[in-house]
Amino acid sequence: MTYDVAVVGAGAMGSAAARALAAAGRSVVVLEQYTLGHVRGGSHGGTRLFRPAADNADVARLTEQARPLWRELEADSGETLFEVTGGIDHGVDEATVEVFRSLHAATGEVLTAGAAKERWPGFRFETPVLYQPGSGRLYADRTVHALQTVAARLGVEFRVQSPVRQLRIHDALVELDVPGGAVRAGQVVVTAGPWAPKLLTGLVPLPTFTVTQEQPRFFAPVSEELDWPSFVHGDHGSYGLLEAGSGVKVGLHATGPEVDPDTRDFAVDPARDADLLRYVEQWYPGLDTATSTAISCLYDNTPSDNFVIDRAGPITVAAGFCGQGFKFVPLIGEFVRDLVIGTAEVPARFRLASHVGG
């Protein structure tokens, strides 16, 4: 059988693309090198932040463009995937405060450090605090499963334990070498995260990717009475949110060691872990650093921290999400669908041309 589209990688982005393409009437097969819901990529885990950017108009606009698509996915799947908890940015300078006022005057609020401390005593604040009531948390594992359930209902075929060893383009088709024989498709979508550069070398001019292994921790709150909005601490490049049953997740953004995704060890680096514990002791008095659990996640980063979402001939790629892409998942599914169909208006910052030299 020849498919309209073969998708490589069944994480959040690949599953969203498959759902969108099947809804548009395409026959789709998804090839996953591991099992559905595996823990080796960037889509697993309990939760992610949903946060419009405080000081970037383009990213804030795209986040709001994604918001109703999350609600559509919830309606399609019957699952709760996005909960509004409110979100804060602290450790911000005056220029960021002014940009925030201009971007979020109707939907946000600037609080003094003292007023914020009264409201959220689990934090330490030293600068004004930017509050967005519409921010919240996304359920990551649940989202991936929901996308796959809806996609399968639309006719998408998922093949697990099917690593793609090579892509070949000929006779207006793409052949994908997988165990058991080749799969043929009119077009290919590569949403393989940190594995994308290995697969696409010589086929698509990707920027240089840096793959890092990050190690956030879950911390137990010292009191159940404390309120925990999702949060970003600009001075320290950190983030966090409450995940029911696990605690408050706190991570230092993009500070982990470079790894090969095929050989990463999931081990906690003691020095980086000590840095995180000291940081939490200093800035989050509402968390118990003696009661915490380390976890491991994977980032694939471009030099500019912009995503790659573009098409080169019969190959469409969506990768390089830098630990910041999950809030856009259903929107990226639509971008990929439109690239394949030929009607896309993907933001220029994500196009391959914007990464030239990266």
Protein backbone atom coordinates (compact mmCIF):
# COMPACT_ATOMS: atom_id res chain seq x y z
CA MET A 1 0.00 0.00 0.00
CA THR A 2 1.15 3.52 -0.78
CA TYR A 3 0.06 6.18 1.70
CA ASP A 4 -0.55 9.83 1.07
CA VAL A 5 1.66 10.72 4.03
CA ALA A 6 4.09 8.86 6.28
CA VAL A 7 4.84 10.52 9.61
CA VAL A 8 8.12 9.64 11.33
CA GLY A 9 7.79 9.90 15.11
CA ALA A 10 4.66 9.43 17.23
CA GLY A 11 5.30 12.01 19.91
CA ALA A 12 3.08 15.02 20.43
CA MET A 13 3.99 16.80 17.17
CA GLY A 14 3.78 13.70 14.98
CA SER A 15 0.49 12.61 16.51
CA ALA A 16 -0.96 16.12 16.09
CA ALA A 17 0.16 16.21 12.46
CA ALA A 18 -1.34 12.77 11.81
CA ARG A 19 -4.67 13.81 13.31
CA ALA A 20 -4.80 17.02 11.26
CA LEU A 21 -3.83 15.27 8.01
CA ALA A 22 -6.35 12.47 8.49
CA ALA A 23 -9.07 15.01 9.23
CA ALA A 24 -8.16 16.62 5.90
CA GLY A 25 -8.79 13.30 4.12
CA ARG A 26 -5.23 12.01 3.75
CA SER A 27 -4.25 8.37 4.28
CA VAL A 28 -1.58 8.42 6.99
CA VAL A 29 0.82 5.95 8.56
CA VAL A 30 2.87 6.89 11.62
CA LEU A 31 6.19 5.09 12.11
CA GLU A 32 7.48 5.03 15.70
CA GLN A 33 10.87 3.56 16.55
CA TYR A 34 9.83 2.66 20.10
CA THR A 35 6.35 2.12 21.58
CA LEU A 36 3.55 4.65 21.82
CA GLY A 37 3.99 6.80 24.89
CA HIS A 38 7.68 5.92 25.40
CA VAL A 39 9.89 8.01 27.69
CA ARG A 40 12.97 8.53 25.49
CA GLY A 41 11.86 11.66 23.60
CA GLY A 42 10.55 15.09 24.47
CA SER A 43 6.80 14.45 24.76
CA HIS A 44 6.49 12.25 27.83
CA GLY A 45 5.69 13.31 31.38
CA GLY A 46 2.74 14.62 33.30
CA THR A 47 2.54 18.35 32.60
CA ARG A 48 3.78 21.34 30.62
CA LEU A 49 3.28 25.11 30.96
CA PHE A 50 0.78 27.04 28.87
CA ARG A 51 2.01 30.62 28.99
CA PRO A 52 1.70 33.48 26.48
CA ALA A 53 5.10 35.14 26.23
CA ALA A 54 5.42 38.15 28.49
CA ASP A 55 7.54 40.25 26.12
CA ASN A 56 7.34 38.72 22.62
CA ALA A 57 4.32 39.77 20.57
CA ASP A 58 4.71 37.03 17.94
CA VAL A 59 4.95 34.20 20.47
CA ALA A 60 2.11 35.63 22.54
CA ARG A 61 -0.07 35.78 19.43
CA LEU A 62 0.72 32.19 18.46
CA THR A 63 -0.05 31.01 21.99
CA GLU A 64 -3.47 32.61 21.83
CA GLN A 65 -3.96 31.09 18.37
CA ALA A 66 -3.33 27.68 19.95
CA ARG A 67 -5.67 28.19 22.92
CA PRO A 68 -8.99 27.40 21.15
CA LEU A 69 -7.36 24.44 19.38
CA TRP A 70 -6.68 22.87 22.79
CA ARG A 71 -10.37 23.18 23.58
CA GLU A 72 -11.25 21.59 20.24
CA LEU A 73 -8.96 18.65 21.00
CA GLU A 74 -10.56 18.27 24.41
CA ALA A 75 -13.98 18.18 22.77
CA ASP A 76 -12.82 15.64 20.18
CA SER A 77 -11.18 13.36 22.73
CA GLY A 78 -13.40 13.81 25.77
CA GLU A 79 -10.27 14.43 27.89
CA THR A 80 -9.24 17.33 30.12
CA LEU A 81 -5.93 18.49 28.65
CA PHE A 82 -5.62 22.16 29.62
CA GLU A 83 -6.37 23.64 33.03
CA VAL A 84 -6.19 27.38 33.65
CA THR A 85 -4.29 28.06 36.88
CA GLY A 86 -2.86 31.51 36.26
CA GLY A 87 0.81 32.13 35.64
CA ILE A 88 3.50 34.54 36.77
CA ASP A 89 6.83 35.87 35.52
CA HIS A 90 9.26 37.24 38.09
CA GLY A 91 12.88 38.32 37.98
CA VAL A 92 12.00 40.77 35.18
CA ASP A 93 13.54 44.13 34.33
CA GLU A 94 11.69 47.38 33.76
CA ALA A 95 11.84 47.06 29.97
CA THR A 96 10.07 43.68 30.16
CA VAL A 97 7.45 45.20 32.47
CA GLU A 98 6.71 47.94 29.94
CA VAL A 99 6.46 45.52 27.01
CA PHE A 100 4.16 43.33 29.09
CA ARG A 101 1.91 46.30 29.83
CA SER A 102 1.59 47.03 26.13
CA LEU A 103 0.98 43.41 25.09
CA HIS A 104 -1.22 42.19 27.91
CA ALA A 105 -3.05 45.27 29.17
CA ALA A 106 -6.42 43.57 28.79
CA THR A 107 -5.43 40.12 30.03
CA GLY A 108 -2.60 40.62 32.53
CA GLU A 109 -1.60 42.52 35.63
CA VAL A 110 1.63 43.89 37.08
CA LEU A 111 2.00 43.37 40.83
CA THR A 112 4.61 44.75 43.21
CA ALA A 113 6.89 42.20 44.84
CA GLY A 114 5.14 42.82 48.17
CA ALA A 115 1.65 42.34 46.79
CA ALA A 116 2.73 39.18 45.00
CA LYS A 117 4.30 37.78 48.18
CA GLU A 118 1.02 38.27 50.05
CA ARG A 119 -0.82 36.40 47.33
CA TRP A 120 1.75 33.63 46.78
CA PRO A 121 3.77 33.22 50.00
CA GLY A 122 5.49 30.09 48.67
CA PHE A 123 7.67 32.33 46.46
CA ARG A 124 10.37 34.91 47.10
CA PHE A 125 10.08 37.99 44.87
CA GLU A 126 12.51 40.86 44.35
CA THR A 127 11.06 42.50 41.23
CA PRO A 128 7.59 43.32 39.92
CA VAL A 129 5.57 40.22 39.07
CA LEU A 130 3.73 39.79 35.78
CA TYR A 131 0.48 37.90 36.27
CA GLN A 132 -1.52 36.27 33.45
CA PRO A 133 -4.77 34.71 34.72
CA GLY A 134 -5.17 32.74 31.46
CA SER A 135 -1.95 30.75 31.83
CA GLY A 136 -2.01 27.21 33.14
CA ARG A 137 -0.90 23.62 32.76
CA LEU A 138 -1.20 21.09 29.97
CA TYR A 139 -1.30 17.34 30.54
CA ALA A 140 1.45 15.94 28.33
CA ASP A 141 1.07 12.14 28.36
CA ARG A 142 -2.70 12.52 28.30
CA THR A 143 -2.45 14.85 25.29
CA VAL A 144 -0.32 12.44 23.27
CA HIS A 145 -2.74 9.60 23.99
CA ALA A 146 -5.74 11.79 23.10
CA LEU A 147 -4.17 12.81 19.78
CA GLN A 148 -3.43 9.19 18.92
CA THR A 149 -6.93 8.06 19.88
CA VAL A 150 -8.57 10.71 17.70
CA ALA A 151 -6.12 10.08 14.85
CA ALA A 152 -6.78 6.32 14.94
CA ARG A 153 -10.51 7.01 14.88
CA LEU A 154 -9.89 9.01 11.68
CA GLY A 155 -8.08 6.07 10.08
CA VAL A 156 -4.42 6.74 10.93
CA GLU A 157 -2.29 3.59 11.15
CA PHE A 158 0.33 3.54 13.91
CA ARG A 159 3.28 1.18 13.55
CA VAL A 160 5.50 0.75 16.61
CA GLN A 161 9.01 -0.73 16.80
CA SER A 162 9.48 0.68 13.30
CA PRO A 163 12.65 2.79 13.23
CA VAL A 164 13.19 4.50 9.89
CA ARG A 165 16.72 3.73 8.77
CA GLN A 166 16.75 5.74 5.57
CA LEU A 167 14.62 7.90 3.28
CA ARG A 168 14.86 7.63 -0.51
CA ILE A 169 13.05 9.83 -3.02
CA HIS A 170 12.27 8.45 -6.47
CA ASP A 171 9.41 8.05 -8.95
CA ALA A 172 7.42 10.83 -7.22
CA LEU A 173 7.35 8.77 -4.02
CA VAL A 174 9.35 8.55 -0.82
CA GLU A 175 10.52 5.13 0.37
CA LEU A 176 11.17 4.67 4.07
CA ASP A 177 13.30 1.71 5.11
CA VAL A 178 11.82 0.06 8.19
CA PRO A 179 12.12 -3.47 9.60
CA GLY A 180 10.05 -5.80 7.50
CA GLY A 181 10.31 -3.83 4.27
CA ALA A 182 9.91 -0.37 2.78
CA VAL A 183 6.94 1.93 3.32
CA ARG A 184 5.98 4.18 0.39
CA ALA A 185 4.24 7.51 0.60
CA GLY A 186 3.63 10.54 -1.52
CA GLN A 187 5.02 12.79 1.21
CA VAL A 188 6.85 12.38 4.51
CA VAL A 189 6.55 14.36 7.72
CA VAL A 190 9.54 14.09 10.07
CA THR A 191 8.65 14.88 13.68
CA ALA A 192 11.44 12.85 15.20
CA GLY A 193 12.76 15.47 17.61
CA PRO A 194 16.48 15.00 18.33
CA TRP A 195 16.64 12.12 15.84
CA ALA A 196 15.58 14.37 12.93
CA PRO A 197 19.10 15.55 11.98
CA LYS A 198 20.39 11.97 11.77
CA LEU A 199 17.59 10.98 9.42
CA LEU A 200 17.60 14.08 7.24
CA THR A 201 21.32 14.62 6.65
CA GLY A 202 21.82 15.26 2.95
CA LEU A 203 18.07 15.64 2.33
CA VAL A 204 17.02 18.80 4.19
CA PRO A 205 19.33 21.72 5.12
CA LEU A 206 18.67 21.75 8.87
CA PRO A 207 20.42 24.09 11.30
CA THR A 208 22.78 22.60 13.84
CA PHE A 209 20.80 20.97 16.65
CA THR A 210 22.00 20.76 20.24
CA VAL A 211 20.43 17.88 22.18
CA THR A 212 20.55 18.18 25.96
CA GLN A 213 19.38 16.06 28.87
CA GLU A 214 17.60 18.21 31.44
CA GLN A 215 16.88 17.27 35.06
CA PRO A 216 14.04 19.11 36.80
CA ARG A 217 12.74 17.97 40.18
CA PHE A 218 9.37 17.61 41.86
CA PHE A 219 9.29 19.24 45.30
CA ALA A 220 6.71 18.72 48.03
CA PRO A 221 5.01 21.95 49.20
CA VAL A 222 5.44 22.68 52.91
CA SER A 223 1.70 23.35 53.16
CA GLU A 224 -1.35 22.32 51.18
CA GLU A 225 -2.72 25.83 51.70
CA LEU A 226 -0.21 27.42 49.34
CA ASP A 227 -1.30 28.41 45.84
CA TRP A 228 1.04 27.58 42.95
CA PRO A 229 0.44 29.29 39.62
CA SER A 230 2.71 28.23 36.79
CA PHE A 231 5.85 30.35 36.87
CA VAL A 232 8.91 31.55 34.98
CA HIS A 233 11.85 33.22 36.73
CA GLY A 234 13.59 35.33 34.12
CA ASP A 235 16.78 36.12 36.06
CA HIS A 236 17.55 32.44 36.50
CA GLY A 237 16.05 30.90 33.36
CA SER A 238 13.85 28.66 35.47
CA TYR A 239 10.27 27.47 35.28
CA GLY A 240 7.77 25.43 37.23
CA LEU A 241 4.21 24.39 37.95
CA LEU A 242 2.18 22.24 40.30
CA GLU A 243 1.41 18.69 39.19
CA ALA A 244 -1.17 17.00 41.39
CA GLY A 245 0.16 13.87 43.03
CA SER A 246 3.80 14.67 42.21
CA GLY A 247 4.48 18.10 43.69
CA VAL A 248 5.77 21.35 42.23
CA LYS A 249 8.07 20.80 39.27
CA VAL A 250 11.02 23.21 39.08
CA GLY A 251 13.63 23.17 36.35
CA LEU A 252 16.54 25.28 35.16
CA HIS A 253 15.90 25.81 31.45
CA ALA A 254 18.39 24.40 28.91
CA THR A 255 21.28 23.87 31.32
CA GLY A 256 21.80 20.13 30.84
CA PRO A 257 24.71 18.30 29.21
CA GLU A 258 24.73 17.48 25.50
CA VAL A 259 23.77 13.86 24.82
CA ASP A 260 23.14 11.44 21.99
CA PRO A 261 19.43 10.53 22.11
CA ASP A 262 20.28 6.89 21.37
CA THR A 263 22.69 6.52 24.29
CA ARG A 264 21.51 9.00 26.96
CA ASP A 265 21.72 7.53 30.45
CA PHE A 266 18.89 9.40 32.28
CA ALA A 267 21.37 9.84 35.17
CA VAL A 268 21.24 12.88 37.45
CA ASP A 269 24.33 15.08 37.24
CA PRO A 270 25.28 15.79 40.88
CA ALA A 271 26.69 19.29 40.29
CA ARG A 272 23.69 20.50 38.30
CA ASP A 273 21.35 18.87 40.81
CA ALA A 274 23.07 20.73 43.66
CA ASP A 275 22.63 24.00 41.74
CA LEU A 276 18.90 23.33 41.42
CA LEU A 277 18.50 22.49 45.11
CA ARG A 278 20.34 25.66 46.16
CA TYR A 279 18.22 27.70 43.79
CA VAL A 280 14.96 26.31 45.16
CA GLU A 281 16.09 26.87 48.75
CA GLN A 282 16.78 30.50 47.92
CA TRP A 283 13.69 31.36 45.90
CA TYR A 284 10.87 29.02 46.96
CA PRO A 285 10.41 28.91 50.74
CA GLY A 286 7.14 27.09 50.20
CA LEU A 287 8.93 23.99 48.88
CA ASP A 288 10.64 21.27 50.89
CA THR A 289 13.99 20.50 49.27
CA ALA A 290 14.38 17.46 51.53
CA THR A 291 11.34 15.86 49.88
CA SER A 292 11.89 15.85 46.15
CA THR A 293 12.30 13.57 43.15
CA ALA A 294 14.56 14.10 40.13
CA ILE A 295 13.26 13.45 36.62
CA SER A 296 14.87 13.52 33.17
CA CYS A 297 13.75 15.12 29.91
CA LEU A 298 15.22 15.83 26.50
CA TYR A 299 15.57 19.13 24.61
CA ASP A 300 16.40 19.59 20.94
CA ASN A 301 17.63 23.14 20.44
CA THR A 302 18.39 25.30 17.41
CA PRO A 303 20.99 28.09 17.73
CA SER A 304 18.25 30.74 17.67
CA ASP A 305 15.81 28.77 19.86
CA ASN A 306 13.31 29.11 17.00
CA PHE A 307 11.51 25.98 15.89
CA VAL A 308 11.97 24.42 12.46
CA ILE A 309 8.65 23.97 10.64
CA ASP A 310 8.99 23.85 6.87
CA ARG A 311 8.81 21.75 3.72
CA ALA A 312 11.58 20.76 1.32
CA GLY A 313 10.14 18.94 -1.70
CA PRO A 314 8.17 15.92 -0.46
CA ILE A 315 9.65 16.18 3.07
CA THR A 316 8.08 18.31 5.79
CA VAL A 317 9.97 18.71 9.05
CA ALA A 318 8.85 19.96 12.46
CA ALA A 319 11.62 19.84 15.06
CA GLY A 320 13.82 21.86 17.39
CA PHE A 321 11.17 22.67 19.95
CA CYS A 322 13.71 23.61 22.62
CA GLY A 323 11.59 22.62 25.60
CA GLN A 324 9.12 25.39 24.70
CA GLY A 325 6.93 23.93 21.98
CA PHE A 326 4.32 21.86 23.79
CA LYS A 327 1.82 24.69 24.20
CA PHE A 328 1.65 24.94 20.41
CA VAL A 329 1.04 21.23 19.72
CA PRO A 330 -2.38 21.41 17.98
CA LEU A 331 -1.34 24.55 16.10
CA ILE A 332 1.84 22.90 14.84
CA GLY A 333 -0.28 19.97 13.69
CA GLU A 334 -2.23 22.44 11.55
CA PHE A 335 0.95 24.11 10.25
CA VAL A 336 2.28 20.71 9.16
CA ARG A 337 -1.03 19.77 7.54
CA ASP A 338 -1.04 22.99 5.55
CA LEU A 339 2.58 22.53 4.47
CA VAL A 340 1.77 19.06 3.16
CA ILE A 341 -1.38 20.26 1.41
CA GLY A 342 0.40 23.30 0.03
CA THR A 343 -1.62 26.06 1.66
CA ALA A 344 0.64 26.94 4.60
CA GLU A 345 1.40 30.36 6.00
CA VAL A 346 3.93 29.28 8.60
CA PRO A 347 5.63 32.18 10.42
CA ALA A 348 8.87 33.13 8.71
CA ARG A 349 10.89 32.64 11.91
CA PHE A 350 10.25 28.88 11.69
CA ARG A 351 11.14 28.48 8.01
CA LEU A 352 14.41 26.81 7.01
CA ALA A 353 15.63 30.01 5.37
CA SER A 354 15.59 31.80 8.72
CA HIS A 355 18.03 29.24 10.09
CA VAL A 356 20.65 29.57 7.33
CA GLY A 357 24.08 29.48 8.90
CA GLY A 358 22.71 28.09 12.17
